[in-house]
Amino acid sequence: MRTVNKVLIIWNVTKDPFIKNTDWNKKVAMFTVATNRYFKNLKDEVKNEAEYTNCIAWGNLAEKCEKFLTKGKLVYIEGRLKTRIIDKEDWTKTYKTEVVISNLIFLNKKSDFEWSEWSNEEIDDTDFDLDDDKF
């Protein structure tokens, strides 16, 4: 049976990315984007709801994020959902769902960047122990 795990997001980065080098000298960038959903409630009032999505980029994409991605930049992200299970010292588990990025396009003015798109990067998203307190 075929399955689909694809995410598309366009919105703003909420803070500068957190960059880390793994023990295997692999660069990783972690950041959050915010999206809004507008809807009408039962009283026909327009409401909005913010959604904050954790994103992670590996390798060359992480290097581009480190160099050019800052809070407030508008980005187009393609990726897939991945949920990590984090075992805590008190024997509890925390689940963290994030978008593993495969395609990243900056949507701000072209003059803001030396380039505007990276896609189809070779991605190695092996589970590494990331410092979860930073993200």
Protein backbone atom coordinates (compact mmCIF):
# COMPACT_ATOMS: atom_id res chain seq x y z
CA MET A 1 0.00 0.00 0.00
CA ARG A 2 1.29 3.48 -0.85
CA THR A 3 1.49 6.19 1.75
CA VAL A 4 2.02 9.94 1.54
CA ASN A 5 3.87 12.09 4.05
CA LYS A 6 4.29 15.54 2.54
CA VAL A 7 4.06 18.99 4.09
CA LEU A 8 3.92 22.36 2.32
CA ILE A 9 4.20 25.56 4.35
CA ILE A 10 4.49 29.22 3.40
CA TRP A 11 4.94 31.71 6.20
CA ASN A 12 7.41 33.59 8.37
CA VAL A 13 10.27 32.31 10.48
CA THR A 14 9.58 33.13 14.15
CA LYS A 15 13.21 33.40 15.31
CA ASP A 16 16.73 32.96 13.99
CA PRO A 17 17.59 29.29 13.44
CA PHE A 18 19.49 27.31 16.04
CA ILE A 19 22.51 25.72 14.36
CA LYS A 20 24.34 22.67 15.66
CA ASN A 21 27.08 20.37 14.41
CA THR A 22 26.49 16.73 15.30
CA ASP A 23 29.20 14.43 16.59
CA TRP A 24 29.48 13.16 13.01
CA ASN A 25 30.25 16.70 11.78
CA LYS A 26 26.84 17.02 10.14
CA LYS A 27 25.28 20.49 10.34
CA VAL A 28 21.64 20.81 11.41
CA ALA A 29 19.43 23.90 11.52
CA MET A 30 16.30 24.05 13.66
CA PHE A 31 13.73 26.81 13.52
CA THR A 32 10.02 27.46 13.80
CA VAL A 33 7.58 28.97 11.35
CA ALA A 34 4.19 30.39 12.23
CA THR A 35 1.09 30.06 10.09
CA ASN A 36 -2.39 31.47 10.60
CA ARG A 37 -5.77 29.91 9.95
CA TYR A 38 -8.76 32.19 9.54
CA PHE A 39 -12.28 30.91 10.14
CA LYS A 40 -15.77 32.01 11.15
CA ASN A 41 -17.22 30.83 14.43
CA LEU A 42 -20.87 29.97 15.07
CA LYS A 43 -21.66 33.66 15.60
CA ASP A 44 -20.24 34.42 12.14
CA GLU A 45 -17.28 36.28 13.66
CA VAL A 46 -13.94 36.04 11.87
CA LYS A 47 -11.32 34.45 14.11
CA ASN A 48 -7.74 33.40 13.57
CA GLU A 49 -5.57 30.72 15.07
CA ALA A 50 -1.77 30.60 15.01
CA GLU A 51 0.10 27.36 14.44
CA TYR A 52 3.80 27.05 15.20
CA THR A 53 5.66 24.35 13.30
CA ASN A 54 9.14 23.08 14.15
CA CYS A 55 11.37 22.63 11.11
CA ILE A 56 14.74 20.93 10.69
CA ALA A 57 17.25 21.14 7.83
CA TRP A 58 20.36 19.01 7.38
CA GLY A 59 23.68 19.40 5.57
CA ASN A 60 23.81 21.99 2.79
CA LEU A 61 20.30 23.24 3.53
CA ALA A 62 21.34 23.82 7.15
CA GLU A 63 24.35 25.82 5.97
CA LYS A 64 22.11 28.01 3.80
CA CYS A 65 19.73 28.53 6.73
CA GLU A 66 22.63 29.53 8.96
CA LYS A 67 23.89 32.05 6.43
CA PHE A 68 20.65 33.64 5.23
CA LEU A 69 17.62 32.69 7.32
CA THR A 70 16.55 35.18 9.99
CA LYS A 71 13.49 35.96 12.03
CA GLY A 72 10.66 37.36 9.91
CA LYS A 73 11.82 35.95 6.55
CA LEU A 74 9.05 34.54 4.39
CA VAL A 75 9.81 30.98 3.26
CA TYR A 76 8.28 28.16 1.25
CA ILE A 77 9.04 24.79 2.81
CA GLU A 78 8.48 21.30 1.48
CA GLY A 79 9.21 18.31 3.62
CA ARG A 80 7.81 15.43 5.57
CA LEU A 81 6.61 14.97 9.12
CA LYS A 82 8.85 13.16 11.57
CA THR A 83 8.10 12.52 15.22
CA ARG A 84 10.99 11.92 17.60
CA ILE A 85 10.58 10.24 20.97
CA ILE A 86 12.73 11.85 23.65
CA ASP A 87 13.39 9.80 26.78
CA LYS A 88 13.62 12.06 29.83
CA GLU A 89 15.72 11.42 32.91
CA ASP A 90 12.55 10.90 34.98
CA TRP A 91 11.60 7.97 32.69
CA THR A 92 8.87 9.91 30.91
CA LYS A 93 8.74 10.39 27.17
CA THR A 94 8.23 13.54 25.15
CA TYR A 95 7.13 13.48 21.54
CA LYS A 96 8.39 16.16 19.16
CA THR A 97 6.93 16.43 15.66
CA GLU A 98 8.84 18.46 13.10
CA VAL A 99 9.07 18.99 9.37
CA VAL A 100 12.23 17.54 7.84
CA ILE A 101 12.91 19.96 4.99
CA SER A 102 13.65 18.70 1.47
CA ASN A 103 13.02 21.95 -0.43
CA LEU A 104 13.40 25.53 0.78
CA ILE A 105 12.61 28.68 -1.20
CA PHE A 106 13.08 32.19 0.13
CA LEU A 107 10.13 34.36 -0.86
CA ASN A 108 11.45 37.74 0.24
CA LYS A 109 12.81 40.27 -2.23
CA LYS A 110 15.47 38.77 -4.47
CA SER A 111 17.90 41.51 -3.44
CA ASP A 112 17.85 40.11 0.13
CA PHE A 113 19.79 37.04 -0.99
CA GLU A 114 22.63 35.94 -3.23
CA TRP A 115 20.44 33.00 -4.28
CA SER A 116 16.81 32.12 -3.87
CA GLU A 117 16.25 28.35 -3.94
CA TRP A 118 17.66 24.99 -2.92
CA SER A 119 15.90 21.78 -3.53
CA ASN A 120 16.41 18.08 -3.84
CA GLU A 121 19.41 18.14 -1.52
CA GLU A 122 20.61 14.75 -0.42
CA ILE A 123 19.16 14.44 3.05
CA ASP A 124 20.50 12.25 5.81
CA ASP A 125 17.99 12.62 8.61
CA THR A 126 19.23 9.79 10.76
CA ASP A 127 18.02 10.26 14.30
CA PHE A 128 20.65 12.17 16.23
CA ASP A 129 20.46 13.26 19.83
CA LEU A 130 19.72 16.96 19.43
CA ASP A 131 19.78 19.42 22.31
CA ASP A 132 16.00 19.73 22.70
CA ASP A 133 16.18 22.55 25.24
CA LYS A 134 17.37 24.88 22.48
CA PHE A 135 14.40 24.19 20.19
